Amino acid sequence: MEARMGDSLGDVRVHTGPKAAAACEAINARAFTVGNHVAFGPGEYDPEDEDGQHVIAHELAHVRQQPGGANGVRAAG
């Protein structure tokens, strides 16, 4: 994914557990970003699946769009 994004993603933190799932459900989103953190709803983080890759890439783009790691929330609905 780093090659596709043209950037190192070592600072990105992925959250897929029950708390991430509950947060996604609370805002009715498949996934969302806050700064360099990406939370995924149940079954959404699936790098082996084409749709899963799309969701991951979409959220990583949001991480990189946030200047200076801003704390804004971006959601994929």
PDB file of N, CA and C in Angstrom:
ATOM      1  N   MET A   1       0.833  -1.193   0.000  1.00  0.00           N
ATOM      2  CA  MET A   1       0.000   0.000   0.000  1.00  0.00           C
ATOM      3  C   MET A   1       0.878   1.257   0.000  1.00  0.00           C
ATOM      4  N   GLU A   2       2.056   1.188   0.645  1.00  0.00           N
ATOM      5  CA  GLU A   2       2.940   2.352   0.667  1.00  0.00           C
ATOM      6  C   GLU A   2       3.352   2.766  -0.740  1.00  0.00           C
ATOM      7  N   ALA A   3       3.653   1.781  -1.589  1.00  0.00           N
ATOM      8  CA  ALA A   3       4.055   2.092  -2.960  1.00  0.00           C
ATOM      9  C   ALA A   3       2.922   2.787  -3.709  1.00  0.00           C
ATOM     10  N   ARG A   4       1.694   2.334  -3.491  1.00  0.00           N
ATOM     11  CA  ARG A   4       0.540   2.945  -4.161  1.00  0.00           C
ATOM     12  C   ARG A   4       0.295   4.360  -3.657  1.00  0.00           C
ATOM     13  N   MET A   5       0.554   4.590  -2.364  1.00  0.00           N
ATOM     14  CA  MET A   5       0.315   5.905  -1.774  1.00  0.00           C
ATOM     15  C   MET A   5       1.494   6.848  -2.017  1.00  0.00           C
ATOM     16  N   GLY A   6       2.662   6.277  -2.329  1.00  0.00           N
ATOM     17  CA  GLY A   6       3.845   7.093  -2.540  1.00  0.00           C
ATOM     18  C   GLY A   6       4.346   7.726  -1.254  1.00  0.00           C
ATOM     19  N   ASP A   7       4.147   7.042  -0.126  1.00  0.00           N
ATOM     20  CA  ASP A   7       4.500   7.615   1.168  1.00  0.00           C
ATOM     21  C   ASP A   7       4.677   6.484   2.176  1.00  0.00           C
ATOM     22  N   SER A   8       5.504   6.721   3.181  1.00  0.00           N
ATOM     23  CA  SER A   8       5.641   5.768   4.272  1.00  0.00           C
ATOM     24  C   SER A   8       4.395   5.824   5.145  1.00  0.00           C
ATOM     25  N   LEU A   9       3.931   4.677   5.562  1.00  0.00           N
ATOM     26  CA  LEU A   9       2.729   4.612   6.393  1.00  0.00           C
ATOM     27  C   LEU A   9       3.045   4.094   7.791  1.00  0.00           C
ATOM     28  N   GLY A  10       4.329   4.138   8.163  1.00  0.00           N
ATOM     29  CA  GLY A  10       4.752   3.618   9.453  1.00  0.00           C
ATOM     30  C   GLY A  10       4.142   4.324  10.646  1.00  0.00           C
ATOM     31  N   ASP A  11       3.682   5.542  10.451  1.00  0.00           N
ATOM     32  CA  ASP A  11       3.091   6.292  11.561  1.00  0.00           C
ATOM     33  C   ASP A  11       1.594   6.053  11.706  1.00  0.00           C
ATOM     34  N   VAL A  12       0.993   5.332  10.771  1.00  0.00           N
ATOM     35  CA  VAL A  12      -0.454   5.100  10.798  1.00  0.00           C
ATOM     36  C   VAL A  12      -0.767   3.960  11.767  1.00  0.00           C
ATOM     37  N   ARG A  13      -1.758   4.169  12.603  1.00  0.00           N
ATOM     38  CA  ARG A  13      -2.191   3.163  13.575  1.00  0.00           C
ATOM     39  C   ARG A  13      -3.572   2.647  13.187  1.00  0.00           C
ATOM     40  N   VAL A  14      -3.676   1.341  13.030  1.00  0.00           N
ATOM     41  CA  VAL A  14      -4.917   0.697  12.605  1.00  0.00           C
ATOM     42  C   VAL A  14      -5.596   0.072  13.821  1.00  0.00           C
ATOM     43  N   HIS A  15      -6.887   0.317  13.936  1.00  0.00           N
ATOM     44  CA  HIS A  15      -7.677  -0.222  15.045  1.00  0.00           C
ATOM     45  C   HIS A  15      -8.826  -1.053  14.474  1.00  0.00           C
ATOM     46  N   THR A  16      -8.893  -2.324  14.884  1.00  0.00           N
ATOM     47  CA  THR A  16      -9.908  -3.232  14.341  1.00  0.00           C
ATOM     48  C   THR A  16     -10.698  -3.969  15.418  1.00  0.00           C
ATOM     49  N   GLY A  17     -10.429  -3.690  16.653  1.00  0.00           N
ATOM     50  CA  GLY A  17     -11.068  -4.418  17.746  1.00  0.00           C
ATOM     51  C   GLY A  17     -12.475  -3.944  18.065  1.00  0.00           C
ATOM     52  N   PRO A  18     -13.012  -4.444  19.174  1.00  0.00           N
ATOM     53  CA  PRO A  18     -14.388  -4.121  19.563  1.00  0.00           C
ATOM     54  C   PRO A  18     -14.636  -2.630  19.790  1.00  0.00           C
ATOM     55  N   LYS A  19     -13.652  -1.921  20.333  1.00  0.00           N
ATOM     56  CA  LYS A  19     -13.835  -0.481  20.557  1.00  0.00           C
ATOM     57  C   LYS A  19     -13.924   0.264  19.232  1.00  0.00           C
ATOM     58  N   ALA A  20     -13.083  -0.122  18.265  1.00  0.00           N
ATOM     59  CA  ALA A  20     -13.137   0.505  16.941  1.00  0.00           C
ATOM     60  C   ALA A  20     -14.476   0.206  16.277  1.00  0.00           C
ATOM     61  N   ALA A  21     -14.924  -1.032  16.398  1.00  0.00           N
ATOM     62  CA  ALA A  21     -16.208  -1.424  15.807  1.00  0.00           C
ATOM     63  C   ALA A  21     -17.349  -0.625  16.417  1.00  0.00           C
ATOM     64  N   ALA A  22     -17.336  -0.477  17.734  1.00  0.00           N
ATOM     65  CA  ALA A  22     -18.399   0.279  18.414  1.00  0.00           C
ATOM     66  C   ALA A  22     -18.378   1.744  18.004  1.00  0.00           C
ATOM     67  N   ALA A  23     -17.173   2.312  17.857  1.00  0.00           N
ATOM     68  CA  ALA A  23     -17.066   3.715  17.443  1.00  0.00           C
ATOM     69  C   ALA A  23     -17.605   3.902  16.030  1.00  0.00           C
ATOM     70  N   CYS A  24     -17.284   2.984  15.131  1.00  0.00           N
ATOM     71  CA  CYS A  24     -17.796   3.062  13.757  1.00  0.00           C
ATOM     72  C   CYS A  24     -19.311   2.947  13.739  1.00  0.00           C
ATOM     73  N   GLU A  25     -19.828   2.017  14.503  1.00  0.00           N
ATOM     74  CA  GLU A  25     -21.277   1.835  14.557  1.00  0.00           C
ATOM     75  C   GLU A  25     -21.960   3.074  15.132  1.00  0.00           C
ATOM     76  N   ALA A  26     -21.313   3.724  16.106  1.00  0.00           N
ATOM     77  CA  ALA A  26     -21.900   4.909  16.740  1.00  0.00           C
ATOM     78  C   ALA A  26     -22.067   6.066  15.767  1.00  0.00           C
ATOM     79  N   ILE A  27     -21.174   6.134  14.766  1.00  0.00           N
ATOM     80  CA  ILE A  27     -21.282   7.228  13.786  1.00  0.00           C
ATOM     81  C   ILE A  27     -21.746   6.720  12.425  1.00  0.00           C
ATOM     82  N   ASN A  28     -22.186   5.458  12.389  1.00  0.00           N
ATOM     83  CA  ASN A  28     -22.721   4.855  11.166  1.00  0.00           C
ATOM     84  C   ASN A  28     -21.727   4.930  10.008  1.00  0.00           C
ATOM     85  N   ALA A  29     -20.477   4.513  10.286  1.00  0.00           N
ATOM     86  CA  ALA A  29     -19.428   4.552   9.269  1.00  0.00           C
ATOM     87  C   ALA A  29     -18.767   3.188   9.150  1.00  0.00           C
ATOM     88  N   ARG A  30     -18.297   2.885   7.963  1.00  0.00           N
ATOM     89  CA  ARG A  30     -17.537   1.653   7.753  1.00  0.00           C
ATOM     90  C   ARG A  30     -16.170   1.765   8.417  1.00  0.00           C
ATOM     91  N   ALA A  31     -15.606   2.962   8.382  1.00  0.00           N
ATOM     92  CA  ALA A  31     -14.299   3.241   8.962  1.00  0.00           C
ATOM     93  C   ALA A  31     -14.185   4.751   9.118  1.00  0.00           C
ATOM     94  N   PHE A  32     -13.226   5.193   9.944  1.00  0.00           N
ATOM     95  CA  PHE A  32     -12.986   6.627  10.066  1.00  0.00           C
ATOM     96  C   PHE A  32     -11.558   6.881  10.527  1.00  0.00           C
ATOM     97  N   THR A  33     -11.107   8.111  10.331  1.00  0.00           N
ATOM     98  CA  THR A  33      -9.770   8.499  10.755  1.00  0.00           C
ATOM     99  C   THR A  33      -9.844   9.634  11.759  1.00  0.00           C
ATOM    100  N   VAL A  34      -8.884   9.624  12.664  1.00  0.00           N
ATOM    101  CA  VAL A  34      -8.637  10.740  13.580  1.00  0.00           C
ATOM    102  C   VAL A  34      -7.123  10.876  13.623  1.00  0.00           C
ATOM    103  N   GLY A  35      -6.615  11.977  13.073  1.00  0.00           N
ATOM    104  CA  GLY A  35      -5.163  12.122  12.987  1.00  0.00           C
ATOM    105  C   GLY A  35      -4.584  10.984  12.169  1.00  0.00           C
ATOM    106  N   ASN A  36      -3.616  10.261  12.762  1.00  0.00           N
ATOM    107  CA  ASN A  36      -3.001   9.144  12.045  1.00  0.00           C
ATOM    108  C   ASN A  36      -3.574   7.789  12.485  1.00  0.00           C
ATOM    109  N   HIS A  37      -4.715   7.814  13.153  1.00  0.00           N
ATOM    110  CA  HIS A  37      -5.393   6.592  13.585  1.00  0.00           C
ATOM    111  C   HIS A  37      -6.557   6.285  12.640  1.00  0.00           C
ATOM    112  N   VAL A  38      -6.684   5.010  12.280  1.00  0.00           N
ATOM    113  CA  VAL A  38      -7.788   4.570  11.432  1.00  0.00           C
ATOM    114  C   VAL A  38      -8.544   3.470  12.176  1.00  0.00           C
ATOM    115  N   ALA A  39      -9.828   3.687  12.382  1.00  0.00           N
ATOM    116  CA  ALA A  39     -10.689   2.692  13.026  1.00  0.00           C
ATOM    117  C   ALA A  39     -11.567   2.047  11.961  1.00  0.00           C
ATOM    118  N   PHE A  40     -11.667   0.729  12.019  1.00  0.00           N
ATOM    119  CA  PHE A  40     -12.468  -0.021  11.054  1.00  0.00           C
ATOM    120  C   PHE A  40     -13.624  -0.713  11.757  1.00  0.00           C
ATOM    121  N   GLY A  41     -14.769  -0.713  11.085  1.00  0.00           N
ATOM    122  CA  GLY A  41     -15.931  -1.434  11.578  1.00  0.00           C
ATOM    123  C   GLY A  41     -15.744  -2.926  11.386  1.00  0.00           C
ATOM    124  N   PRO A  42     -16.667  -3.718  11.911  1.00  0.00           N
ATOM    125  CA  PRO A  42     -16.570  -5.179  11.815  1.00  0.00           C
ATOM    126  C   PRO A  42     -16.438  -5.657  10.367  1.00  0.00           C
ATOM    127  N   GLY A  43     -15.374  -6.413  10.092  1.00  0.00           N
ATOM    128  CA  GLY A  43     -15.166  -6.992   8.776  1.00  0.00           C
ATOM    129  C   GLY A  43     -14.680  -6.037   7.700  1.00  0.00           C
ATOM    130  N   GLU A  44     -14.473  -4.774   8.032  1.00  0.00           N
ATOM    131  CA  GLU A  44     -14.079  -3.790   7.013  1.00  0.00           C
ATOM    132  C   GLU A  44     -12.588  -3.822   6.699  1.00  0.00           C
ATOM    133  N   TYR A  45     -11.745  -4.169   7.666  1.00  0.00           N
ATOM    134  CA  TYR A  45     -10.311  -4.246   7.408  1.00  0.00           C
ATOM    135  C   TYR A  45     -10.015  -5.624   6.832  1.00  0.00           C
ATOM    136  N   ASP A  46      -9.888  -5.679   5.513  1.00  0.00           N
ATOM    137  CA  ASP A  46      -9.630  -6.943   4.829  1.00  0.00           C
ATOM    138  C   ASP A  46      -8.722  -6.685   3.638  1.00  0.00           C
ATOM    139  N   PRO A  47      -7.400  -6.662   3.876  1.00  0.00           N
ATOM    140  CA  PRO A  47      -6.472  -6.356   2.788  1.00  0.00           C
ATOM    141  C   PRO A  47      -6.431  -7.407   1.682  1.00  0.00           C
ATOM    142  N   GLU A  48      -7.050  -8.555   1.895  1.00  0.00           N
ATOM    143  CA  GLU A  48      -7.074  -9.610   0.877  1.00  0.00           C
ATOM    144  C   GLU A  48      -8.250  -9.465  -0.083  1.00  0.00           C
ATOM    145  N   ASP A  49      -9.203  -8.615   0.262  1.00  0.00           N
ATOM    146  CA  ASP A  49     -10.424  -8.434  -0.526  1.00  0.00           C
ATOM    147  C   ASP A  49     -10.358  -7.106  -1.283  1.00  0.00           C
ATOM    148  N   GLU A  50     -10.847  -7.081  -2.520  1.00  0.00           N
ATOM    149  CA  GLU A  50     -10.793  -5.858  -3.326  1.00  0.00           C
ATOM    150  C   GLU A  50     -11.542  -4.704  -2.662  1.00  0.00           C
ATOM    151  N   ASP A  51     -12.732  -4.960  -2.147  1.00  0.00           N
ATOM    152  CA  ASP A  51     -13.489  -3.909  -1.463  1.00  0.00           C
ATOM    153  C   ASP A  51     -12.766  -3.474  -0.189  1.00  0.00           C
ATOM    154  N   GLY A  52     -12.194  -4.430   0.533  1.00  0.00           N
ATOM    155  CA  GLY A  52     -11.426  -4.102   1.733  1.00  0.00           C
ATOM    156  C   GLY A  52     -10.234  -3.221   1.403  1.00  0.00           C
ATOM    157  N   GLN A  53      -9.545  -3.512   0.308  1.00  0.00           N
ATOM    158  CA  GLN A  53      -8.413  -2.689  -0.127  1.00  0.00           C
ATOM    159  C   GLN A  53      -8.867  -1.271  -0.439  1.00  0.00           C
ATOM    160  N   HIS A  54     -10.045  -1.150  -1.041  1.00  0.00           N
ATOM    161  CA  HIS A  54     -10.581   0.170  -1.370  1.00  0.00           C
ATOM    162  C   HIS A  54     -10.851   0.973  -0.095  1.00  0.00           C
ATOM    163  N   VAL A  55     -11.457   0.338   0.898  1.00  0.00           N
ATOM    164  CA  VAL A  55     -11.746   1.028   2.163  1.00  0.00           C
ATOM    165  C   VAL A  55     -10.443   1.457   2.833  1.00  0.00           C
ATOM    166  N   ILE A  56      -9.460   0.574   2.859  1.00  0.00           N
ATOM    167  CA  ILE A  56      -8.169   0.895   3.468  1.00  0.00           C
ATOM    168  C   ILE A  56      -7.520   2.069   2.749  1.00  0.00           C
ATOM    169  N   ALA A  57      -7.453   2.018   1.422  1.00  0.00           N
ATOM    170  CA  ALA A  57      -6.847   3.104   0.647  1.00  0.00           C
ATOM    171  C   ALA A  57      -7.585   4.415   0.864  1.00  0.00           C
ATOM    172  N   HIS A  58      -8.905   4.361   0.914  1.00  0.00           N
ATOM    173  CA  HIS A  58      -9.722   5.557   1.129  1.00  0.00           C
ATOM    174  C   HIS A  58      -9.373   6.203   2.469  1.00  0.00           C
ATOM    175  N   GLU A  59      -9.282   5.392   3.510  1.00  0.00           N
ATOM    176  CA  GLU A  59      -8.969   5.931   4.836  1.00  0.00           C
ATOM    177  C   GLU A  59      -7.532   6.433   4.916  1.00  0.00           C
ATOM    178  N   LEU A  60      -6.598   5.740   4.279  1.00  0.00           N
ATOM    179  CA  LEU A  60      -5.211   6.206   4.275  1.00  0.00           C
ATOM    180  C   LEU A  60      -5.087   7.542   3.558  1.00  0.00           C
ATOM    181  N   ALA A  61      -5.869   7.729   2.510  1.00  0.00           N
ATOM    182  CA  ALA A  61      -5.866   9.028   1.824  1.00  0.00           C
ATOM    183  C   ALA A  61      -6.332  10.122   2.771  1.00  0.00           C
ATOM    184  N   HIS A  62      -7.341   9.839   3.594  1.00  0.00           N
ATOM    185  CA  HIS A  62      -7.796  10.828   4.577  1.00  0.00           C
ATOM    186  C   HIS A  62      -6.698  11.149   5.585  1.00  0.00           C
ATOM    187  N   VAL A  63      -5.949  10.135   6.024  1.00  0.00           N
ATOM    188  CA  VAL A  63      -4.854  10.372   6.969  1.00  0.00           C
ATOM    189  C   VAL A  63      -3.863  11.349   6.357  1.00  0.00           C
ATOM    190  N   ARG A  64      -3.509  11.139   5.103  1.00  0.00           N
ATOM    191  CA  ARG A  64      -2.516  11.989   4.453  1.00  0.00           C
ATOM    192  C   ARG A  64      -3.069  13.364   4.091  1.00  0.00           C
ATOM    193  N   GLN A  65      -4.372  13.503   3.974  1.00  0.00           N
ATOM    194  CA  GLN A  65      -4.973  14.801   3.654  1.00  0.00           C
ATOM    195  C   GLN A  65      -5.016  15.725   4.858  1.00  0.00           C
ATOM    196  N   GLN A  66      -4.887  15.183   6.047  1.00  0.00           N
ATOM    197  CA  GLN A  66      -4.975  15.985   7.259  1.00  0.00           C
ATOM    198  C   GLN A  66      -3.624  16.642   7.512  1.00  0.00           C
ATOM    199  N   PRO A  67      -3.537  17.953   7.331  1.00  0.00           N
ATOM    200  CA  PRO A  67      -2.254  18.640   7.497  1.00  0.00           C
ATOM    201  C   PRO A  67      -1.739  18.521   8.925  1.00  0.00           C
ATOM    202  N   GLY A  68      -0.487  18.094   9.045  1.00  0.00           N
ATOM    203  CA  GLY A  68       0.140  18.023  10.354  1.00  0.00           C
ATOM    204  C   GLY A  68      -0.508  17.044  11.315  1.00  0.00           C
ATOM    205  N   GLY A  69      -1.216  16.040  10.794  1.00  0.00           N
ATOM    206  CA  GLY A  69      -1.861  15.076  11.670  1.00  0.00           C
ATOM    207  C   GLY A  69      -2.997  15.679  12.463  1.00  0.00           C
ATOM    208  N   ALA A  70      -3.756  16.543  11.835  1.00  0.00           N
ATOM    209  CA  ALA A  70      -4.863  17.223  12.510  1.00  0.00           C
ATOM    210  C   ALA A  70      -5.790  16.221  13.169  1.00  0.00           C
ATOM    211  N   ASN A  71      -6.529  16.663  14.139  1.00  0.00           N
ATOM    212  CA  ASN A  71      -7.414  15.783  14.885  1.00  0.00           C
ATOM    213  C   ASN A  71      -8.820  15.718  14.319  1.00  0.00           C
ATOM    214  N   GLY A  72      -9.022  16.121  13.092  1.00  0.00           N
ATOM    215  CA  GLY A  72     -10.348  16.061  12.494  1.00  0.00           C
ATOM    216  C   GLY A  72     -10.781  14.631  12.238  1.00  0.00           C
ATOM    217  N   VAL A  73     -12.059  14.389  12.303  1.00  0.00           N
ATOM    218  CA  VAL A  73     -12.606  13.056  12.046  1.00  0.00           C
ATOM    219  C   VAL A  73     -13.100  12.996  10.616  1.00  0.00           C
ATOM    220  N   ARG A  74     -12.697  11.944   9.895  1.00  0.00           N
ATOM    221  CA  ARG A  74     -13.155  11.702   8.534  1.00  0.00           C
ATOM    222  C   ARG A  74     -13.750  10.314   8.506  1.00  0.00           C
ATOM    223  N   ALA A  75     -14.930  10.174   7.966  1.00  0.00           N
ATOM    224  CA  ALA A  75     -15.592   8.868   7.961  1.00  0.00           C
ATOM    225  C   ALA A  75     -15.917   8.405   6.555  1.00  0.00           C
ATOM    226  N   ALA A  76     -15.798   7.087   6.368  1.00  0.00           N
ATOM    227  CA  ALA A  76     -16.258   6.451   5.132  1.00  0.00           C
ATOM    228  C   ALA A  76     -17.601   5.834   5.461  1.00  0.00           C
ATOM    229  N   GLY A  77     -18.631   6.294   4.813  1.00  0.00           N
ATOM    230  CA  GLY A  77     -19.957   5.840   5.179  1.00  0.00           C
ATOM    231  C   GLY A  77     -20.447   4.754   4.357  1.00  0.00           C
TER     232      GLY A  77
END
